[in-house]
């Protein structure tokens, strides 16, 4: 039960784009290296899924689009989505900026989630 509550709370934490380093360290201390590692991966992946879902819904109902001035810069995301997202996810930027920023760009779900899961491991 404690792990389930932790997963729900940490996933919400990631969804809200709050800093995750302290929570990840606490997860490792609370559940040990292996269970803590697995718990962190699950939580960050669920948080990325939630961010994608939120942005998809807002894009659909509010009609959000990437500004025309930025569209030429999205060519790499269209040609090689997984490789580009892996590169972006490895950049030293806050997790929320990467999650929500990529989702706003209109990337497809599977490469988005695959890149997030790969980088989390």
Protein backbone atom coordinates (compact mmCIF):
# COMPACT_ATOMS: atom_id res chain seq x y z
CA UNK A 1 0.00 0.00 0.00
CA UNK A 2 2.84 2.38 0.84
CA UNK A 3 4.48 1.86 -2.55
CA UNK A 4 1.18 2.48 -4.35
CA UNK A 5 0.67 5.74 -2.48
CA UNK A 6 4.26 6.74 -3.20
CA UNK A 7 3.86 5.94 -6.91
CA UNK A 8 0.67 8.01 -7.09
CA UNK A 9 2.19 10.95 -5.21
CA UNK A 10 5.51 10.90 -7.09
CA UNK A 11 3.71 10.57 -10.44
CA UNK A 12 1.59 13.60 -9.55
CA UNK A 13 4.78 15.40 -8.52
CA UNK A 14 6.28 14.74 -11.98
CA UNK A 15 3.02 15.74 -13.68
CA UNK A 16 3.12 19.08 -11.88
CA UNK A 17 6.68 19.61 -13.19
CA UNK A 18 8.19 19.92 -9.73
CA UNK A 19 11.90 19.14 -9.11
CA UNK A 20 12.38 15.38 -8.84
CA UNK A 21 15.94 14.87 -7.59
CA UNK A 22 15.12 15.03 -3.88
CA UNK A 23 12.11 12.77 -4.27
CA UNK A 24 14.17 10.25 -6.28
CA UNK A 25 16.82 10.18 -3.57
CA UNK A 26 14.17 9.73 -0.89
CA UNK A 27 12.64 6.89 -2.92
CA UNK A 28 16.00 5.13 -3.01
CA UNK A 29 16.49 5.55 0.73
CA UNK A 30 12.95 4.40 1.51
CA UNK A 31 12.76 1.36 -0.75
CA UNK A 32 16.38 0.43 -1.37
CA UNK A 33 18.38 0.68 -4.57
CA UNK A 34 16.51 -1.84 -6.73
CA UNK A 35 12.91 -1.18 -5.66
CA UNK A 36 13.62 2.55 -5.44
CA UNK A 37 15.07 2.55 -8.96
CA UNK A 38 12.08 0.69 -10.37
CA UNK A 39 9.66 2.93 -8.47
CA UNK A 40 11.37 6.07 -9.81
CA UNK A 41 11.25 4.79 -13.39
CA UNK A 42 7.56 3.95 -13.10
CA UNK A 43 6.72 7.30 -11.49
CA UNK A 44 8.62 9.42 -14.00
CA UNK A 45 7.12 7.45 -16.90
CA UNK A 46 3.60 7.86 -15.53
CA UNK A 47 4.31 11.56 -14.99
CA UNK A 48 5.42 11.90 -18.62
CA UNK A 49 2.26 10.07 -19.74
CA UNK A 50 0.13 12.45 -17.67
CA UNK A 51 1.90 15.48 -19.15
CA UNK A 52 1.32 14.16 -22.66
CA UNK A 53 -2.35 13.55 -21.86
CA UNK A 54 -2.82 17.04 -20.39
CA UNK A 55 -1.19 18.74 -23.37
CA UNK A 56 -3.10 16.57 -25.86
CA UNK A 57 -6.40 17.53 -24.25
CA UNK A 58 -5.51 21.22 -24.12
CA UNK A 59 -4.32 21.15 -27.74
CA UNK A 60 -7.55 19.50 -28.82
CA UNK A 61 -9.99 21.67 -26.87
CA UNK A 62 -8.12 24.97 -27.01
CA UNK A 63 -6.55 24.57 -30.44
CA UNK A 64 -2.98 25.12 -29.25
CA UNK A 65 -0.34 24.83 -31.96
CA UNK A 66 3.35 25.47 -32.25
CA UNK A 67 3.87 29.06 -33.47
CA UNK A 68 4.69 29.36 -37.17
CA UNK A 69 8.05 30.95 -36.37
CA UNK A 70 9.13 27.75 -34.59
CA UNK A 71 7.83 25.21 -37.12
CA UNK A 72 11.05 25.10 -39.20
CA UNK A 73 12.93 24.06 -36.05
CA UNK A 74 10.76 20.96 -35.67
CA UNK A 75 12.12 19.22 -38.77
CA UNK A 76 14.37 16.93 -36.70
CA UNK A 77 11.42 15.87 -34.55
CA UNK A 78 9.49 14.95 -37.68
CA UNK A 79 12.32 13.13 -39.47
CA UNK A 80 13.94 11.28 -36.56
CA UNK A 81 11.54 11.61 -33.63
CA UNK A 82 13.07 9.02 -31.29
CA UNK A 83 16.69 10.12 -31.75
CA UNK A 84 15.77 13.79 -31.42
CA UNK A 85 13.69 13.22 -28.30
CA UNK A 86 16.47 11.14 -26.75
CA UNK A 87 18.85 14.04 -27.33
CA UNK A 88 16.41 16.54 -25.88
CA UNK A 89 15.69 14.36 -22.86
CA UNK A 90 19.42 14.05 -22.14
CA UNK A 91 19.82 17.84 -22.02
CA UNK A 92 20.22 19.42 -18.56
CA UNK A 93 16.74 20.94 -18.48
CA UNK A 94 14.00 20.50 -15.88
CA UNK A 95 11.85 17.41 -16.44
CA UNK A 96 8.66 19.43 -16.79
CA UNK A 97 10.07 21.53 -19.62
CA UNK A 98 11.06 18.39 -21.50
CA UNK A 99 7.76 16.58 -20.86
CA UNK A 100 5.43 19.46 -21.65
CA UNK A 101 7.65 21.02 -24.31
CA UNK A 102 7.84 17.85 -26.39
CA UNK A 103 4.13 17.22 -25.98
CA UNK A 104 3.30 20.74 -27.18
CA UNK A 105 5.36 20.09 -30.31
CA UNK A 106 2.81 17.50 -31.37
CA UNK A 107 5.08 14.46 -31.29
CA UNK A 108 3.59 10.98 -31.52
CA UNK A 109 2.83 9.09 -28.34
CA UNK A 110 4.98 5.97 -28.77
CA UNK A 111 8.29 7.70 -29.56
CA UNK A 112 7.58 10.20 -26.76
CA UNK A 113 7.06 7.45 -24.19
CA UNK A 114 9.91 5.30 -25.54
CA UNK A 115 12.38 8.18 -25.27
CA UNK A 116 11.19 8.99 -21.76
CA UNK A 117 11.49 5.40 -20.60
CA UNK A 118 14.93 4.91 -22.20
CA UNK A 119 16.38 8.03 -20.61
CA UNK A 120 14.92 7.18 -17.21
CA UNK A 121 16.74 3.87 -17.21
